[in-house]
Structures are given as structure tokens and as C-alpha cells.
Amino acid sequence: MAKAELKTKATDADVTAFIESAEPERRKAEAHQLIDLFREITGEEPRMWGQSIIGFGSYDYRYDSGREGSSCRTGFSPRKAKLSLYLMGAYCTPEAQAEQDRLFGLLGKHSVGKSCLYINRLEQVDMSVLEQLIRNNWDLMNERYPK
């Protein structure tokens, strides 16, 4: 089966230009701070995925249904209302999910979705805990989807 055409795919759009369009103003500084953190953890350069996700690395997946695609291994979006961080790795095992939940308890003000962590302001979270969450998810994605 061929890969499905996804809206959220890697593009050649300029990451810096995207960040400079972010609102409110503090999102620009937060985005640069997150890029530095993700770069340090992943060793990857940021790349735009779709119109609004700054991604690091990529992986190919295939569902049991046969549907295939590619996505960034991790990343974030400096959205107006909240920062959205994409942390897919912890869903690989129950143990990883339990560790992620433990770290969420230490993080500070946030909310979560299926594979997303939402933060209003970086200053409201413990950056060392955030670093560990990103690192754990990166390592788990690399285990599940070797490069």
C-alpha cells in the first residue's frame, strides 16, 4: 500500500520566519528556547512539518490496516493559546507511560492530550523535568523506530 498523502509532512519552509510570525510576542523567545533544548537532546536541526509544527528527526510508520506515513519523531508548535509539544514515544509501553505520568506530576502547570503536552508559558514548568520528558520520548521513539 502506498503512503497516504498527509497534510503534516516535512517542508522546506523557513523555521525562523515561522517563529517570527508567532504571537503573542513571548512565543518567539519560548520557541527559540525550545529549539535549543530539542537540538541538544536530538542532535537534529529543526524542520517545518506542515504549516505550524517545528519537528526534529523523522520516522516511517505502518498501521495494522496497512496505512503508511512519515512524521517527525518529536517537535512542538508555538501556538497562540499554548505551546504544543509532540511526545509520542511514551505510548510504546505501559512502563514508559507510567514514567511519563510520574514526570507530568513534577512538571508544573500543563495539560495533556493523546500525544501532546500543552504549556501556557515555559516559566510555569520545571525545565529539567521538561528536558527529561523530551529525552525519554526521543529515546523511546528511537528504540521503536530505529534510524
N, C-alpha and C. Protein backbone atom coordinates (compact mmCIF):
# COMPACT_ATOMS: atom_id res chain seq x y z
N MET A 1 0.86 -1.17 0.00
CA MET A 1 0.00 0.00 0.00
C MET A 1 0.90 1.24 0.00
N ALA A 2 0.55 2.22 -0.76
CA ALA A 2 1.33 3.46 -0.84
C ALA A 2 1.12 4.30 0.41
N LYS A 3 2.08 5.17 0.65
CA LYS A 3 1.95 6.08 1.78
C LYS A 3 0.79 7.04 1.52
N ALA A 4 0.00 7.27 2.56
CA ALA A 4 -1.12 8.21 2.45
C ALA A 4 -0.58 9.63 2.34
N GLU A 5 -1.27 10.46 1.59
CA GLU A 5 -0.87 11.86 1.46
C GLU A 5 -1.33 12.59 2.72
N LEU A 6 -0.39 13.06 3.49
CA LEU A 6 -0.68 13.73 4.74
C LEU A 6 -0.51 15.24 4.60
N LYS A 7 -1.30 15.98 5.35
CA LYS A 7 -1.14 17.44 5.38
C LYS A 7 0.10 17.82 6.16
N THR A 8 0.39 17.06 7.21
CA THR A 8 1.53 17.37 8.06
C THR A 8 2.73 16.55 7.59
N LYS A 9 3.46 17.12 6.65
CA LYS A 9 4.67 16.47 6.15
C LYS A 9 5.79 17.50 6.14
N ALA A 10 7.01 17.00 6.05
CA ALA A 10 8.17 17.88 6.07
C ALA A 10 8.11 18.84 4.89
N THR A 11 8.48 20.08 5.16
CA THR A 11 8.50 21.10 4.11
C THR A 11 9.86 21.81 4.14
N ASP A 12 10.08 22.66 3.17
CA ASP A 12 11.29 23.47 3.14
C ASP A 12 11.03 24.88 3.67
N ALA A 13 9.90 25.08 4.34
CA ALA A 13 9.57 26.40 4.88
C ALA A 13 10.62 26.82 5.91
N ASP A 14 10.82 28.10 6.03
CA ASP A 14 11.84 28.67 6.91
C ASP A 14 11.34 28.66 8.36
N VAL A 15 12.04 27.92 9.23
CA VAL A 15 11.67 27.81 10.64
C VAL A 15 11.73 29.17 11.32
N THR A 16 12.79 29.92 11.07
CA THR A 16 12.96 31.23 11.71
C THR A 16 11.84 32.18 11.30
N ALA A 17 11.48 32.19 10.04
CA ALA A 17 10.38 33.06 9.58
C ALA A 17 9.08 32.67 10.27
N PHE A 18 8.85 31.37 10.42
CA PHE A 18 7.64 30.92 11.11
C PHE A 18 7.65 31.41 12.56
N ILE A 19 8.76 31.26 13.25
CA ILE A 19 8.85 31.70 14.64
C ILE A 19 8.60 33.20 14.75
N GLU A 20 9.13 33.96 13.85
CA GLU A 20 8.97 35.42 13.90
C GLU A 20 7.52 35.85 13.69
N SER A 21 6.69 34.96 13.16
CA SER A 21 5.28 35.28 12.98
C SER A 21 4.43 34.87 14.19
N ALA A 22 5.07 34.22 15.18
CA ALA A 22 4.34 33.71 16.34
C ALA A 22 3.80 34.85 17.20
N GLU A 23 2.63 34.60 17.78
CA GLU A 23 2.00 35.52 18.73
C GLU A 23 1.52 34.71 19.92
N PRO A 24 1.46 35.31 21.09
CA PRO A 24 1.93 36.63 21.44
C PRO A 24 3.46 36.72 21.38
N GLU A 25 3.99 37.88 21.62
CA GLU A 25 5.42 38.15 21.47
C GLU A 25 6.30 37.15 22.23
N ARG A 26 5.89 36.74 23.43
CA ARG A 26 6.72 35.83 24.23
C ARG A 26 6.92 34.47 23.56
N ARG A 27 6.00 34.11 22.64
CA ARG A 27 6.12 32.81 21.95
C ARG A 27 7.41 32.73 21.14
N LYS A 28 7.88 33.85 20.62
CA LYS A 28 9.12 33.85 19.83
C LYS A 28 10.29 33.41 20.69
N ALA A 29 10.45 34.01 21.86
CA ALA A 29 11.54 33.65 22.77
C ALA A 29 11.39 32.21 23.25
N GLU A 30 10.15 31.81 23.58
CA GLU A 30 9.92 30.43 24.02
C GLU A 30 10.25 29.44 22.92
N ALA A 31 9.90 29.77 21.69
CA ALA A 31 10.19 28.87 20.56
C ALA A 31 11.70 28.71 20.38
N HIS A 32 12.44 29.80 20.48
CA HIS A 32 13.90 29.71 20.36
C HIS A 32 14.49 28.88 21.50
N GLN A 33 13.95 29.05 22.70
CA GLN A 33 14.40 28.27 23.85
C GLN A 33 14.13 26.78 23.62
N LEU A 34 12.95 26.46 23.11
CA LEU A 34 12.62 25.06 22.84
C LEU A 34 13.48 24.49 21.71
N ILE A 35 13.75 25.27 20.69
CA ILE A 35 14.62 24.78 19.61
C ILE A 35 15.98 24.41 20.17
N ASP A 36 16.54 25.25 21.03
CA ASP A 36 17.83 24.93 21.64
C ASP A 36 17.76 23.64 22.43
N LEU A 37 16.69 23.47 23.20
CA LEU A 37 16.52 22.26 24.01
C LEU A 37 16.36 21.02 23.14
N PHE A 38 15.49 21.07 22.14
CA PHE A 38 15.28 19.93 21.25
C PHE A 38 16.55 19.59 20.48
N ARG A 39 17.27 20.61 20.01
CA ARG A 39 18.53 20.38 19.29
C ARG A 39 19.53 19.64 20.17
N GLU A 40 19.65 20.10 21.42
CA GLU A 40 20.59 19.48 22.35
C GLU A 40 20.24 18.01 22.59
N ILE A 41 18.98 17.73 22.76
CA ILE A 41 18.54 16.36 23.05
C ILE A 41 18.62 15.46 21.83
N THR A 42 18.16 15.96 20.69
CA THR A 42 18.03 15.12 19.50
C THR A 42 19.26 15.11 18.60
N GLY A 43 20.05 16.16 18.64
CA GLY A 43 21.16 16.29 17.70
C GLY A 43 20.69 16.60 16.29
N GLU A 44 19.42 16.93 16.15
CA GLU A 44 18.80 17.20 14.85
C GLU A 44 18.54 18.70 14.69
N GLU A 45 18.48 19.13 13.44
CA GLU A 45 18.11 20.50 13.14
C GLU A 45 16.59 20.59 12.98
N PRO A 46 15.99 21.71 13.37
CA PRO A 46 14.54 21.85 13.24
C PRO A 46 14.12 21.94 11.78
N ARG A 47 12.94 21.43 11.52
CA ARG A 47 12.36 21.47 10.18
C ARG A 47 10.86 21.66 10.32
N MET A 48 10.30 22.43 9.43
CA MET A 48 8.85 22.63 9.45
C MET A 48 8.14 21.37 8.95
N TRP A 49 7.08 21.00 9.66
CA TRP A 49 6.20 19.91 9.27
C TRP A 49 4.82 20.54 9.15
N GLY A 50 4.29 20.52 7.94
CA GLY A 50 3.03 21.22 7.70
C GLY A 50 3.27 22.71 7.87
N GLN A 51 2.23 23.43 8.23
CA GLN A 51 2.34 24.88 8.34
C GLN A 51 2.71 25.37 9.73
N SER A 52 2.63 24.47 10.75
CA SER A 52 2.79 25.02 12.10
C SER A 52 3.56 24.15 13.09
N ILE A 53 4.16 23.05 12.66
CA ILE A 53 4.91 22.20 13.58
C ILE A 53 6.40 22.29 13.26
N ILE A 54 7.18 22.53 14.30
CA ILE A 54 8.64 22.51 14.18
C ILE A 54 9.06 21.13 14.66
N GLY A 55 9.53 20.30 13.72
CA GLY A 55 9.84 18.91 14.04
C GLY A 55 11.33 18.63 14.04
N PHE A 56 11.68 17.53 14.71
CA PHE A 56 13.05 17.07 14.82
C PHE A 56 13.09 15.59 14.48
N GLY A 57 13.92 15.24 13.50
CA GLY A 57 14.00 13.85 13.06
C GLY A 57 12.73 13.44 12.35
N SER A 58 12.73 12.21 11.86
CA SER A 58 11.53 11.67 11.21
C SER A 58 11.53 10.15 11.36
N TYR A 59 10.39 9.56 11.14
CA TYR A 59 10.26 8.11 11.14
C TYR A 59 9.13 7.72 10.21
N ASP A 60 9.21 6.51 9.72
CA ASP A 60 8.15 5.94 8.88
C ASP A 60 7.37 4.95 9.73
N TYR A 61 6.07 4.95 9.58
CA TYR A 61 5.22 4.04 10.34
C TYR A 61 4.28 3.31 9.41
N ARG A 62 3.75 2.22 9.91
CA ARG A 62 2.74 1.45 9.17
C ARG A 62 1.76 0.89 10.19
N TYR A 63 0.50 1.23 10.01
CA TYR A 63 -0.55 0.70 10.88
C TYR A 63 -0.92 -0.72 10.46
N ASP A 64 -1.57 -1.44 11.36
CA ASP A 64 -2.03 -2.79 11.05
C ASP A 64 -2.97 -2.78 9.84
N SER A 65 -3.64 -1.66 9.62
CA SER A 65 -4.57 -1.53 8.49
C SER A 65 -3.83 -1.48 7.15
N GLY A 66 -2.49 -1.25 7.22
CA GLY A 66 -1.70 -1.12 6.01
C GLY A 66 -1.39 0.32 5.66
N ARG A 67 -2.07 1.26 6.30
CA ARG A 67 -1.80 2.67 6.04
C ARG A 67 -0.38 3.01 6.51
N GLU A 68 0.35 3.77 5.68
CA GLU A 68 1.72 4.14 5.97
C GLU A 68 1.88 5.65 5.93
N GLY A 69 2.91 6.14 6.58
CA GLY A 69 3.19 7.56 6.53
C GLY A 69 4.52 7.87 7.17
N SER A 70 4.86 9.12 7.18
CA SER A 70 6.06 9.61 7.84
C SER A 70 5.66 10.77 8.74
N SER A 71 6.41 10.93 9.82
CA SER A 71 6.14 12.02 10.74
C SER A 71 7.44 12.43 11.41
N CYS A 72 7.41 13.57 12.09
CA CYS A 72 8.58 13.95 12.88
C CYS A 72 8.61 13.07 14.13
N ARG A 73 9.81 12.79 14.62
CA ARG A 73 9.95 11.97 15.83
C ARG A 73 9.48 12.72 17.07
N THR A 74 9.69 14.00 17.07
CA THR A 74 9.24 14.86 18.16
C THR A 74 9.22 16.29 17.64
N GLY A 75 8.62 17.18 18.38
CA GLY A 75 8.58 18.57 17.95
C GLY A 75 7.60 19.37 18.78
N PHE A 76 7.34 20.58 18.29
CA PHE A 76 6.43 21.46 19.01
C PHE A 76 5.85 22.49 18.05
N SER A 77 4.83 23.18 18.54
CA SER A 77 4.25 24.29 17.80
C SER A 77 4.01 25.43 18.78
N PRO A 78 4.51 26.63 18.47
CA PRO A 78 4.29 27.78 19.33
C PRO A 78 2.94 28.44 19.02
N ARG A 79 1.87 27.77 19.38
CA ARG A 79 0.53 28.26 19.09
C ARG A 79 0.18 29.46 19.98
N LYS A 80 -0.75 30.25 19.55
CA LYS A 80 -1.11 31.47 20.26
C LYS A 80 -1.57 31.18 21.69
N ALA A 81 -2.46 30.22 21.86
CA ALA A 81 -3.02 29.93 23.18
C ALA A 81 -2.05 29.17 24.08
N LYS A 82 -1.35 28.19 23.52
CA LYS A 82 -0.45 27.34 24.30
C LYS A 82 0.65 26.80 23.41
N LEU A 83 1.76 26.44 24.03
CA LEU A 83 2.79 25.68 23.32
C LEU A 83 2.31 24.24 23.25
N SER A 84 2.39 23.62 22.09
CA SER A 84 2.02 22.21 21.93
C SER A 84 3.30 21.43 21.66
N LEU A 85 3.61 20.48 22.54
CA LEU A 85 4.79 19.63 22.36
C LEU A 85 4.31 18.23 22.00
N TYR A 86 4.94 17.65 21.00
CA TYR A 86 4.52 16.34 20.48
C TYR A 86 5.47 15.28 21.00
N LEU A 87 4.95 14.46 21.93
CA LEU A 87 5.73 13.44 22.62
C LEU A 87 5.06 12.09 22.42
N MET A 88 5.42 11.39 21.35
CA MET A 88 4.74 10.15 21.00
C MET A 88 5.34 8.90 21.64
N GLY A 89 6.58 8.94 22.06
CA GLY A 89 7.30 7.75 22.48
C GLY A 89 6.75 7.04 23.69
N ALA A 90 6.19 7.74 24.65
CA ALA A 90 5.75 7.12 25.90
C ALA A 90 4.58 6.17 25.70
N TYR A 91 3.96 6.22 24.53
CA TYR A 91 2.82 5.34 24.29
C TYR A 91 3.27 3.98 23.77
N CYS A 92 4.59 3.76 23.73
CA CYS A 92 5.13 2.50 23.23
C CYS A 92 4.97 1.37 24.24
N THR A 93 5.04 1.69 25.54
CA THR A 93 4.93 0.65 26.57
C THR A 93 4.19 1.21 27.78
N PRO A 94 3.54 0.33 28.56
CA PRO A 94 2.88 0.79 29.79
C PRO A 94 3.89 1.38 30.78
N GLU A 95 5.10 0.83 30.84
CA GLU A 95 6.12 1.34 31.75
C GLU A 95 6.52 2.77 31.38
N ALA A 96 6.68 3.01 30.08
CA ALA A 96 7.04 4.34 29.61
C ALA A 96 5.91 5.33 29.90
N GLN A 97 4.68 4.89 29.74
CA GLN A 97 3.53 5.75 30.04
C GLN A 97 3.50 6.09 31.53
N ALA A 98 3.78 5.11 32.38
CA ALA A 98 3.78 5.35 33.83
C ALA A 98 4.88 6.35 34.21
N GLU A 99 6.05 6.23 33.61
CA GLU A 99 7.14 7.17 33.88
C GLU A 99 6.76 8.57 33.39
N GLN A 100 6.14 8.65 32.23
CA GLN A 100 5.72 9.95 31.72
C GLN A 100 4.70 10.58 32.67
N ASP A 101 3.75 9.80 33.13
CA ASP A 101 2.74 10.31 34.06
C ASP A 101 3.40 10.80 35.35
N ARG A 102 4.42 10.08 35.83
CA ARG A 102 5.15 10.50 37.03
C ARG A 102 5.81 11.86 36.80
N LEU A 103 6.46 12.01 35.64
CA LEU A 103 7.11 13.27 35.32
C LEU A 103 6.10 14.40 35.13
N PHE A 104 4.95 14.10 34.55
CA PHE A 104 3.91 15.12 34.42
C PHE A 104 3.54 15.66 35.81
N GLY A 105 3.53 14.79 36.81
CA GLY A 105 3.22 15.21 38.18
C GLY A 105 4.23 16.18 38.76
N LEU A 106 5.42 16.20 38.22
CA LEU A 106 6.50 17.08 38.70
C LEU A 106 6.69 18.31 37.82
N LEU A 107 6.05 18.34 36.67
CA LEU A 107 6.33 19.35 35.65
C LEU A 107 5.92 20.76 36.01
N GLY A 108 4.75 20.92 36.56
CA GLY A 108 4.21 22.26 36.77
C GLY A 108 2.93 22.40 35.96
N LYS A 109 2.50 23.63 35.73
CA LYS A 109 1.22 23.89 35.07
C LYS A 109 1.25 23.43 33.61
N HIS A 110 0.35 22.50 33.28
CA HIS A 110 0.26 21.96 31.92
C HIS A 110 -1.06 21.21 31.77
N SER A 111 -1.35 20.81 30.54
CA SER A 111 -2.44 19.87 30.26
C SER A 111 -1.93 18.92 29.19
N VAL A 112 -2.65 17.83 28.99
CA VAL A 112 -2.20 16.82 28.04
C VAL A 112 -3.34 16.36 27.14
N GLY A 113 -2.97 15.90 25.96
CA GLY A 113 -3.86 15.22 25.04
C GLY A 113 -3.25 13.86 24.76
N LYS A 114 -3.69 13.18 23.74
CA LYS A 114 -3.21 11.82 23.44
C LYS A 114 -1.69 11.76 23.36
N SER A 115 -1.07 12.54 22.50
CA SER A 115 0.38 12.55 22.36
C SER A 115 0.92 13.98 22.48
N CYS A 116 0.14 14.85 23.08
CA CYS A 116 0.53 16.26 23.16
C CYS A 116 0.60 16.73 24.60
N LEU A 117 1.57 17.57 24.83
CA LEU A 117 1.73 18.26 26.09
C LEU A 117 1.48 19.74 25.80
N TYR A 118 0.58 20.35 26.54
CA TYR A 118 0.24 21.75 26.33
C TYR A 118 0.73 22.58 27.51
N ILE A 119 1.47 23.64 27.20
CA ILE A 119 2.03 24.52 28.22
C ILE A 119 1.66 25.96 27.87
N ASN A 120 1.12 26.67 28.86
CA ASN A 120 0.78 28.08 28.64
C ASN A 120 2.03 28.93 28.50
N ARG A 121 2.96 28.77 29.46
CA ARG A 121 4.20 29.55 29.48
C ARG A 121 5.32 28.64 29.99
N LEU A 122 6.47 28.71 29.35
CA LEU A 122 7.60 27.89 29.82
C LEU A 122 7.98 28.22 31.25
N GLU A 123 7.80 29.47 31.65
CA GLU A 123 8.18 29.87 33.01
C GLU A 123 7.33 29.16 34.07
N GLN A 124 6.23 28.51 33.66
CA GLN A 124 5.35 27.83 34.61
C GLN A 124 5.70 26.36 34.79
N VAL A 125 6.74 25.89 34.13
CA VAL A 125 7.13 24.49 34.25
C VAL A 125 8.58 24.36 34.68
N ASP A 126 8.90 23.20 35.24
CA ASP A 126 10.27 22.87 35.63
C ASP A 126 11.01 22.42 34.37
N MET A 127 11.96 23.22 33.92
CA MET A 127 12.64 22.93 32.65
C MET A 127 13.45 21.63 32.70
N SER A 128 13.95 21.25 33.87
CA SER A 128 14.70 19.98 33.95
C SER A 128 13.76 18.80 33.77
N VAL A 129 12.53 18.91 34.27
CA VAL A 129 11.54 17.85 34.07
C VAL A 129 11.11 17.82 32.60
N LEU A 130 10.91 18.99 32.01
CA LEU A 130 10.56 19.04 30.59
C LEU A 130 11.66 18.41 29.75
N GLU A 131 12.90 18.71 30.06
CA GLU A 131 14.02 18.11 29.34
C GLU A 131 13.97 16.59 29.45
N GLN A 132 13.70 16.06 30.64
CA GLN A 132 13.63 14.61 30.81
C GLN A 132 12.48 14.00 30.02
N LEU A 133 11.34 14.67 29.98
CA LEU A 133 10.20 14.19 29.19
C LEU A 133 10.57 14.09 27.71
N ILE A 134 11.19 15.14 27.19
CA ILE A 134 11.58 15.14 25.77
C ILE A 134 12.62 14.06 25.52
N ARG A 135 13.61 13.97 26.40
CA ARG A 135 14.68 12.97 26.24
C ARG A 135 14.11 11.54 26.27
N ASN A 136 13.24 11.26 27.24
CA ASN A 136 12.63 9.92 27.33
C ASN A 136 11.88 9.59 26.05
N ASN A 137 11.08 10.54 25.57
CA ASN A 137 10.29 10.28 24.37
C ASN A 137 11.18 10.10 23.14
N TRP A 138 12.23 10.88 23.03
CA TRP A 138 13.17 10.74 21.92
C TRP A 138 13.81 9.34 21.94
N ASP A 139 14.27 8.93 23.11
CA ASP A 139 14.90 7.61 23.24
C ASP A 139 13.92 6.49 22.90
N LEU A 140 12.69 6.61 23.37
CA LEU A 140 11.68 5.59 23.10
C LEU A 140 11.33 5.53 21.62
N MET A 141 11.22 6.68 20.97
CA MET A 141 10.94 6.68 19.52
C MET A 141 12.09 6.03 18.76
N ASN A 142 13.32 6.28 19.19
CA ASN A 142 14.48 5.68 18.52
C ASN A 142 14.53 4.18 18.73
N GLU A 143 14.07 3.70 19.89
CA GLU A 143 14.00 2.25 20.14
C GLU A 143 12.93 1.60 19.25
N ARG A 144 11.78 2.24 19.19
CA ARG A 144 10.67 1.67 18.43
C ARG A 144 10.88 1.79 16.92
N TYR A 145 11.46 2.89 16.50
CA TYR A 145 11.69 3.15 15.08
C TYR A 145 13.17 3.45 14.86
N PRO A 146 14.01 2.41 14.84
CA PRO A 146 15.46 2.65 14.67
C PRO A 146 15.73 3.44 13.39
N LYS A 147 16.74 4.29 13.47
CA LYS A 147 17.09 5.13 12.32
C LYS A 147 17.73 4.28 11.23
